[in-house]
Amino acid sequence: MKYTKYPELKAELKTLAKEIRYWKHRRDHWMEYDKLQWYYQLEVLRRAHTFRIKHIAYCLLRGRKYEEIEQPAKYNKPSWRWIEEVMDKYKEKETCFSSEQ
């Protein structure tokens, strides 16, 4: 089996992607739930923002440059503080994991 760097972060990204697809499906079929359409859209946006932050952190941890990951609009810059928090969290876990072997 192939070793993946930062497997916990990758698993979180996969879970978030599934959740985004689920809430988009609920949002798109809102006819039955017309009073809750705003709630479904809010759930999609929350998870999409979290996914973006974690995805950027995951790619940076694996050695890619930010310019290779995305080119956002002028006023759509990511929160670097949150990205750094995610990177620090998983760097600590990775160093603990590698020192045990």
C-alpha atoms as a PDB file:
ATOM      1  CA  MET A   1       0.000   0.000   0.000  1.00  0.00           C
ATOM      2  CA  LYS A   2       1.260   3.455  -0.903  1.00  0.00           C
ATOM      3  CA  TYR A   3       2.210   5.740   1.998  1.00  0.00           C
ATOM      4  CA  THR A   4       0.371   9.053   2.035  1.00  0.00           C
ATOM      5  CA  LYS A   5       1.728  12.068   3.856  1.00  0.00           C
ATOM      6  CA  TYR A   6      -0.777  13.587   6.265  1.00  0.00           C
ATOM      7  CA  PRO A   7      -3.400  10.814   5.958  1.00  0.00           C
ATOM      8  CA  GLU A   8      -5.677  12.352   8.620  1.00  0.00           C
ATOM      9  CA  LEU A   9      -5.875  15.652   6.748  1.00  0.00           C
ATOM     10  CA  LYS A  10      -6.537  13.838   3.483  1.00  0.00           C
ATOM     11  CA  ALA A  11      -9.339  11.847   5.141  1.00  0.00           C
ATOM     12  CA  GLU A  12     -10.857  15.072   6.481  1.00  0.00           C
ATOM     13  CA  LEU A  13     -10.801  16.565   2.985  1.00  0.00           C
ATOM     14  CA  LYS A  14     -12.576  13.512   1.591  1.00  0.00           C
ATOM     15  CA  THR A  15     -15.217  13.698   4.312  1.00  0.00           C
ATOM     16  CA  LEU A  16     -15.766  17.401   3.698  1.00  0.00           C
ATOM     17  CA  ALA A  17     -16.142  16.782  -0.037  1.00  0.00           C
ATOM     18  CA  LYS A  18     -18.833  14.165   0.644  1.00  0.00           C
ATOM     19  CA  GLU A  19     -20.639  16.526   3.001  1.00  0.00           C
ATOM     20  CA  ILE A  20     -20.535  19.343   0.446  1.00  0.00           C
ATOM     21  CA  ARG A  21     -22.050  17.060  -2.202  1.00  0.00           C
ATOM     22  CA  TYR A  22     -24.771  15.973   0.257  1.00  0.00           C
ATOM     23  CA  TRP A  23     -25.755  19.534   1.203  1.00  0.00           C
ATOM     24  CA  LYS A  24     -25.650  20.694  -2.432  1.00  0.00           C
ATOM     25  CA  HIS A  25     -28.032  17.890  -3.312  1.00  0.00           C
ATOM     26  CA  ARG A  26     -30.362  18.941  -0.491  1.00  0.00           C
ATOM     27  CA  ARG A  27     -30.146  22.568  -1.610  1.00  0.00           C
ATOM     28  CA  ASP A  28     -30.871  21.743  -5.242  1.00  0.00           C
ATOM     29  CA  HIS A  29     -33.967  19.753  -4.302  1.00  0.00           C
ATOM     30  CA  TRP A  30     -35.370  22.412  -2.009  1.00  0.00           C
ATOM     31  CA  MET A  31     -38.914  22.356  -3.383  1.00  0.00           C
ATOM     32  CA  GLU A  32     -39.958  20.013  -0.586  1.00  0.00           C
ATOM     33  CA  TYR A  33     -38.149  22.089   2.022  1.00  0.00           C
ATOM     34  CA  ASP A  34     -38.672  25.641   0.731  1.00  0.00           C
ATOM     35  CA  LYS A  35     -38.323  27.250   4.177  1.00  0.00           C
ATOM     36  CA  LEU A  36     -34.933  25.629   4.707  1.00  0.00           C
ATOM     37  CA  GLN A  37     -33.205  26.537   1.455  1.00  0.00           C
ATOM     38  CA  TRP A  38     -31.148  29.253   3.165  1.00  0.00           C
ATOM     39  CA  TYR A  39     -29.993  26.714   5.753  1.00  0.00           C
ATOM     40  CA  TYR A  40     -28.786  24.276   3.087  1.00  0.00           C
ATOM     41  CA  GLN A  41     -26.907  27.031   1.292  1.00  0.00           C
ATOM     42  CA  LEU A  42     -25.287  28.085   4.570  1.00  0.00           C
ATOM     43  CA  GLU A  43     -24.142  24.501   5.227  1.00  0.00           C
ATOM     44  CA  VAL A  44     -22.606  24.305   1.745  1.00  0.00           C
ATOM     45  CA  LEU A  45     -20.751  27.603   2.219  1.00  0.00           C
ATOM     46  CA  ARG A  46     -19.430  26.652   5.664  1.00  0.00           C
ATOM     47  CA  ARG A  47     -18.029  23.364   4.468  1.00  0.00           C
ATOM     48  CA  ALA A  48     -16.685  24.834   1.229  1.00  0.00           C
ATOM     49  CA  HIS A  49     -14.748  27.485   3.145  1.00  0.00           C
ATOM     50  CA  THR A  50     -13.309  24.899   5.534  1.00  0.00           C
ATOM     51  CA  PHE A  51     -12.406  22.665   2.589  1.00  0.00           C
ATOM     52  CA  ARG A  52     -10.606  25.521   0.843  1.00  0.00           C
ATOM     53  CA  ILE A  53      -8.505  26.336   3.910  1.00  0.00           C
ATOM     54  CA  LYS A  54      -7.597  22.688   4.561  1.00  0.00           C
ATOM     55  CA  HIS A  55      -6.910  21.995   0.885  1.00  0.00           C
ATOM     56  CA  ILE A  56      -4.464  24.900   0.633  1.00  0.00           C
ATOM     57  CA  ALA A  57      -2.750  23.767   3.850  1.00  0.00           C
ATOM     58  CA  TYR A  58      -2.546  20.158   2.604  1.00  0.00           C
ATOM     59  CA  CYS A  59      -0.977  21.198  -0.699  1.00  0.00           C
ATOM     60  CA  LEU A  60       1.496  23.542   0.992  1.00  0.00           C
ATOM     61  CA  LEU A  61       2.503  20.791   3.431  1.00  0.00           C
ATOM     62  CA  ARG A  62       3.211  18.521   0.493  1.00  0.00           C
ATOM     63  CA  GLY A  63       5.533  21.107  -1.051  1.00  0.00           C
ATOM     64  CA  ARG A  64       3.463  22.912  -3.658  1.00  0.00           C
ATOM     65  CA  LYS A  65       3.598  26.658  -4.094  1.00  0.00           C
ATOM     66  CA  TYR A  66       0.483  28.744  -3.455  1.00  0.00           C
ATOM     67  CA  GLU A  67       0.463  29.979  -7.053  1.00  0.00           C
ATOM     68  CA  GLU A  68       0.179  26.354  -8.219  1.00  0.00           C
ATOM     69  CA  ILE A  69      -2.781  25.678  -5.930  1.00  0.00           C
ATOM     70  CA  GLU A  70      -5.078  28.565  -6.813  1.00  0.00           C
ATOM     71  CA  GLN A  71      -5.233  32.044  -8.252  1.00  0.00           C
ATOM     72  CA  PRO A  72      -8.018  33.813  -6.356  1.00  0.00           C
ATOM     73  CA  ALA A  73      -9.697  37.057  -7.306  1.00  0.00           C
ATOM     74  CA  LYS A  74      -8.272  40.270  -5.914  1.00  0.00           C
ATOM     75  CA  TYR A  75     -10.681  40.392  -2.950  1.00  0.00           C
ATOM     76  CA  ASN A  76     -10.952  36.645  -2.339  1.00  0.00           C
ATOM     77  CA  LYS A  77      -7.706  35.954  -0.493  1.00  0.00           C
ATOM     78  CA  PRO A  78      -7.668  33.039   1.959  1.00  0.00           C
ATOM     79  CA  SER A  79      -7.156  33.468   5.684  1.00  0.00           C
ATOM     80  CA  TRP A  80      -3.460  32.749   6.144  1.00  0.00           C
ATOM     81  CA  ARG A  81      -3.833  32.632   9.911  1.00  0.00           C
ATOM     82  CA  TRP A  82      -6.214  29.660   9.646  1.00  0.00           C
ATOM     83  CA  ILE A  83      -4.039  27.976   7.038  1.00  0.00           C
ATOM     84  CA  GLU A  84      -1.014  28.279   9.308  1.00  0.00           C
ATOM     85  CA  GLU A  85      -3.014  26.871  12.255  1.00  0.00           C
ATOM     86  CA  VAL A  86      -3.970  23.811  10.198  1.00  0.00           C
ATOM     87  CA  MET A  87      -0.405  23.373   8.963  1.00  0.00           C
ATOM     88  CA  ASP A  88       1.021  23.641  12.488  1.00  0.00           C
ATOM     89  CA  LYS A  89      -1.498  21.129  13.801  1.00  0.00           C
ATOM     90  CA  TYR A  90      -0.635  18.520  11.196  1.00  0.00           C
ATOM     91  CA  LYS A  91       3.105  19.181  11.188  1.00  0.00           C
ATOM     92  CA  GLU A  92       3.118  18.291  14.890  1.00  0.00           C
ATOM     93  CA  LYS A  93       1.188  15.089  14.244  1.00  0.00           C
ATOM     94  CA  GLU A  94       3.477  14.109  11.362  1.00  0.00           C
ATOM     95  CA  THR A  95       6.648  14.649  13.410  1.00  0.00           C
ATOM     96  CA  CYS A  96       5.197  12.620  16.294  1.00  0.00           C
ATOM     97  CA  PHE A  97       4.274   9.823  13.883  1.00  0.00           C
ATOM     98  CA  SER A  98       7.666   9.751  12.174  1.00  0.00           C
ATOM     99  CA  SER A  99       9.612   9.805  15.470  1.00  0.00           C
ATOM    100  CA  GLU A 100       7.752   6.700  16.730  1.00  0.00           C
ATOM    101  CA  GLN A 101       9.013   4.547  13.847  1.00  0.00           C
END
